[in-house]
C-alpha atoms as a PDB file:
ATOM      1  CA  MET A   1     -42.939 -85.161  12.286  1.00  0.00           C
ATOM      2  CA  THR A   2     -43.054 -83.651   8.825  1.00  0.00           C
ATOM      3  CA  GLU A   3     -45.433 -85.329   6.387  1.00  0.00           C
ATOM      4  CA  LEU A   4     -44.652 -86.095   2.749  1.00  0.00           C
ATOM      5  CA  LEU A   5     -47.481 -85.020   0.441  1.00  0.00           C
ATOM      6  CA  THR A   6     -48.499 -86.538  -2.861  1.00  0.00           C
ATOM      7  CA  LYS A   7     -50.716 -84.641  -5.271  1.00  0.00           C
ATOM      8  CA  GLU A   8     -53.751 -86.477  -3.879  1.00  0.00           C
ATOM      9  CA  SER A   9     -52.987 -85.656  -0.235  1.00  0.00           C
ATOM     10  CA  PHE A  10     -52.091 -82.072  -1.203  1.00  0.00           C
ATOM     11  CA  LEU A  11     -55.488 -81.579  -2.866  1.00  0.00           C
ATOM     12  CA  GLU A  12     -57.179 -82.956   0.254  1.00  0.00           C
ATOM     13  CA  LYS A  13     -55.135 -81.288   3.022  1.00  0.00           C
ATOM     14  CA  VAL A  14     -53.883 -78.036   1.511  1.00  0.00           C
ATOM     15  CA  PHE A  15     -55.515 -76.706  -1.647  1.00  0.00           C
ATOM     16  CA  ASN A  16     -57.627 -78.356  -4.329  1.00  0.00           C
ATOM     17  CA  PHE A  17     -56.384 -76.361  -7.324  1.00  0.00           C
ATOM     18  CA  GLU A  18     -58.273 -78.658  -9.705  1.00  0.00           C
ATOM     19  CA  LYS A  19     -61.605 -77.646  -8.153  1.00  0.00           C
ATOM     20  CA  ASN A  20     -60.957 -74.064  -6.992  1.00  0.00           C
ATOM     21  CA  LYS A  21     -59.513 -71.191  -9.010  1.00  0.00           C
ATOM     22  CA  GLU A  22     -59.213 -68.926  -5.946  1.00  0.00           C
ATOM     23  CA  TRP A  23     -57.026 -69.926  -2.994  1.00  0.00           C
ATOM     24  CA  LYS A  24     -59.007 -71.975  -0.475  1.00  0.00           C
ATOM     25  CA  PHE A  25     -56.931 -73.573   2.284  1.00  0.00           C
ATOM     26  CA  GLU A  26     -58.243 -76.998   3.295  1.00  0.00           C
ATOM     27  CA  GLY A  27     -56.237 -77.285   6.530  1.00  0.00           C
ATOM     28  CA  ASP A  28     -57.391 -76.529  10.060  1.00  0.00           C
ATOM     29  CA  LYS A  29     -54.157 -74.874  11.258  1.00  0.00           C
ATOM     30  CA  PRO A  30     -51.348 -72.840   9.660  1.00  0.00           C
ATOM     31  CA  ALA A  31     -48.921 -74.828   7.525  1.00  0.00           C
ATOM     32  CA  ILE A  32     -45.484 -74.777   5.937  1.00  0.00           C
ATOM     33  CA  ILE A  33     -44.831 -76.703   2.749  1.00  0.00           C
ATOM     34  CA  ASP A  34     -41.216 -77.455   1.852  1.00  0.00           C
ATOM     35  CA  PHE A  35     -40.681 -78.075  -1.877  1.00  0.00           C
ATOM     36  CA  TYR A  36     -37.440 -80.066  -2.075  1.00  0.00           C
ATOM     37  CA  ALA A  37     -35.481 -82.727  -3.976  1.00  0.00           C
ATOM     38  CA  ASP A  38     -33.307 -85.542  -2.619  1.00  0.00           C
ATOM     39  CA  TRP A  39     -30.256 -84.353  -4.599  1.00  0.00           C
ATOM     40  CA  CYS A  40     -30.481 -80.742  -3.326  1.00  0.00           C
ATOM     41  CA  GLY A  41     -27.755 -79.859  -0.782  1.00  0.00           C
ATOM     42  CA  PRO A  42     -29.506 -76.820   0.754  1.00  0.00           C
ATOM     43  CA  CYS A  43     -32.704 -78.901   1.051  1.00  0.00           C
ATOM     44  CA  LYS A  44     -30.783 -81.442   3.145  1.00  0.00           C
ATOM     45  CA  MET A  45     -29.602 -78.634   5.454  1.00  0.00           C
ATOM     46  CA  VAL A  46     -33.187 -77.407   5.995  1.00  0.00           C
ATOM     47  CA  ALA A  47     -34.739 -80.865   6.590  1.00  0.00           C
ATOM     48  CA  PRO A  48     -33.533 -81.366  10.209  1.00  0.00           C
ATOM     49  CA  ILE A  49     -34.549 -77.774  11.082  1.00  0.00           C
ATOM     50  CA  LEU A  50     -38.071 -78.459   9.806  1.00  0.00           C
ATOM     51  CA  GLU A  51     -38.186 -81.671  11.863  1.00  0.00           C
ATOM     52  CA  GLU A  52     -37.227 -79.677  14.983  1.00  0.00           C
ATOM     53  CA  LEU A  53     -39.876 -77.045  14.242  1.00  0.00           C
ATOM     54  CA  SER A  54     -42.423 -79.783  13.638  1.00  0.00           C
ATOM     55  CA  ASP A  55     -41.783 -81.049  17.190  1.00  0.00           C
ATOM     56  CA  GLU A  56     -41.641 -77.568  18.738  1.00  0.00           C
ATOM     57  CA  TYR A  57     -44.894 -76.412  17.119  1.00  0.00           C
ATOM     58  CA  GLU A  58     -46.715 -79.753  17.256  1.00  0.00           C
ATOM     59  CA  GLY A  59     -50.479 -79.246  17.200  1.00  0.00           C
ATOM     60  CA  LYS A  60     -50.062 -75.594  16.147  1.00  0.00           C
ATOM     61  CA  VAL A  61     -48.439 -75.757  12.692  1.00  0.00           C
ATOM     62  CA  ASP A  62     -48.524 -78.533  10.088  1.00  0.00           C
ATOM     63  CA  ILE A  63     -45.234 -79.009   8.244  1.00  0.00           C
ATOM     64  CA  TYR A  64     -45.396 -80.826   4.926  1.00  0.00           C
ATOM     65  CA  LYS A  65     -42.810 -81.766   2.311  1.00  0.00           C
ATOM     66  CA  VAL A  66     -43.297 -82.087  -1.452  1.00  0.00           C
ATOM     67  CA  ASP A  67     -40.701 -83.982  -3.499  1.00  0.00           C
ATOM     68  CA  THR A  68     -40.446 -81.841  -6.639  1.00  0.00           C
ATOM     69  CA  GLU A  69     -39.064 -84.779  -8.634  1.00  0.00           C
ATOM     70  CA  ALA A  70     -41.960 -87.106  -7.800  1.00  0.00           C
ATOM     71  CA  GLU A  71     -44.677 -84.429  -7.803  1.00  0.00           C
ATOM     72  CA  GLN A  72     -43.869 -82.381 -10.901  1.00  0.00           C
ATOM     73  CA  GLU A  73     -47.491 -81.320 -11.397  1.00  0.00           C
ATOM     74  CA  LEU A  74     -47.572 -79.777  -7.907  1.00  0.00           C
ATOM     75  CA  SER A  75     -44.264 -78.018  -8.551  1.00  0.00           C
ATOM     76  CA  ALA A  76     -45.620 -76.616 -11.811  1.00  0.00           C
ATOM     77  CA  ALA A  77     -48.871 -75.488 -10.150  1.00  0.00           C
ATOM     78  CA  PHE A  78     -46.825 -73.333  -7.750  1.00  0.00           C
ATOM     79  CA  ALA A  79     -44.243 -72.291 -10.374  1.00  0.00           C
ATOM     80  CA  ILE A  80     -41.365 -73.767  -8.365  1.00  0.00           C
ATOM     81  CA  ARG A  81     -38.186 -72.772 -10.224  1.00  0.00           C
ATOM     82  CA  SER A  82     -35.613 -73.145  -7.451  1.00  0.00           C
ATOM     83  CA  ILE A  83     -35.411 -75.316  -4.372  1.00  0.00           C
ATOM     84  CA  PRO A  84     -35.741 -75.285  -1.519  1.00  0.00           C
ATOM     85  CA  SER A  85     -38.891 -73.195  -1.778  1.00  0.00           C
ATOM     86  CA  MET A  86     -41.307 -72.919   1.120  1.00  0.00           C
ATOM     87  CA  LEU A  87     -44.949 -72.004   1.082  1.00  0.00           C
ATOM     88  CA  PHE A  88     -46.142 -70.413   4.335  1.00  0.00           C
ATOM     89  CA  ILE A  89     -49.903 -70.723   4.794  1.00  0.00           C
ATOM     90  CA  PRO A  90     -51.536 -68.661   7.537  1.00  0.00           C
ATOM     91  CA  ALA A  91     -55.075 -69.638   8.560  1.00  0.00           C
ATOM     92  CA  GLY A  92     -57.581 -67.593   6.588  1.00  0.00           C
ATOM     93  CA  GLU A  93     -55.032 -65.523   4.627  1.00  0.00           C
ATOM     94  CA  GLN A  94     -53.154 -65.733   1.345  1.00  0.00           C
ATOM     95  CA  PRO A  95     -50.033 -67.929   1.361  1.00  0.00           C
ATOM     96  CA  GLN A  96     -46.540 -66.515   0.942  1.00  0.00           C
ATOM     97  CA  MET A  97     -43.635 -68.161  -0.876  1.00  0.00           C
ATOM     98  CA  ALA A  98     -39.987 -67.939   0.194  1.00  0.00           C
ATOM     99  CA  GLN A  99     -36.986 -69.356  -1.637  1.00  0.00           C
ATOM    100  CA  GLY A 100     -33.684 -70.624  -0.346  1.00  0.00           C
ATOM    101  CA  ALA A 101     -32.455 -72.445   2.736  1.00  0.00           C
ATOM    102  CA  LEU A 102     -33.741 -70.271   5.573  1.00  0.00           C
ATOM    103  CA  PRO A 103     -31.995 -70.536   8.963  1.00  0.00           C
ATOM    104  CA  LYS A 104     -34.035 -71.667  11.971  1.00  0.00           C
ATOM    105  CA  VAL A 105     -34.205 -68.171  13.488  1.00  0.00           C
ATOM    106  CA  GLU A 106     -35.717 -66.835  10.239  1.00  0.00           C
ATOM    107  CA  LEU A 107     -38.229 -69.695  10.054  1.00  0.00           C
ATOM    108  CA  GLU A 108     -39.249 -68.975  13.655  1.00  0.00           C
ATOM    109  CA  ARG A 109     -39.735 -65.293  12.762  1.00  0.00           C
ATOM    110  CA  VAL A 110     -41.953 -66.232   9.794  1.00  0.00           C
ATOM    111  CA  ILE A 111     -43.980 -68.637  11.962  1.00  0.00           C
ATOM    112  CA  LYS A 112     -44.548 -65.815  14.460  1.00  0.00           C
ATOM    113  CA  GLU A 113     -45.150 -62.931  12.011  1.00  0.00           C
ATOM    114  CA  VAL A 114     -46.741 -64.587   8.970  1.00  0.00           C
ATOM    115  CA  LEU A 115     -48.437 -67.636  10.462  1.00  0.00           C
ATOM    116  CA  LYS A 116     -49.178 -65.743  13.711  1.00  0.00           C
ATOM    117  CA  VAL A 117     -48.253 -68.703  15.907  1.00  0.00           C
ATOM    118  CA  GLU A 118     -46.358 -68.297  19.166  1.00  0.00           C
ATOM    119  CA  LYS A 119     -44.032 -70.902  20.613  1.00  0.00           C
ATOM    120  CA  GLN A 120     -45.279 -72.603  23.774  1.00  0.00           C
END
């Protein structure tokens, strides 16, 4: 199940950008953050794919969603200019941003190559 993040939960679970200037991931496993909006067509196409991946990689990858309309400060902090945008966060490495509605096969490739997580 994907989890919707507010600014408060983002600071706690992902990155406290108010406290740290340098990237410091707060999570205990790799994560994907989907920056989306309810009115965005491509975002709606990606949502069920992320739900599937959330089930398939349960316990290995955390998948979060950030509503760019409700959480404008978070969107600004990551310079989100187009949606969907996804932040891929490997454990212990710098995050990488991707824009656009990525197909499932591409998301699986990124999970394997960037997040370094294999499917069960």
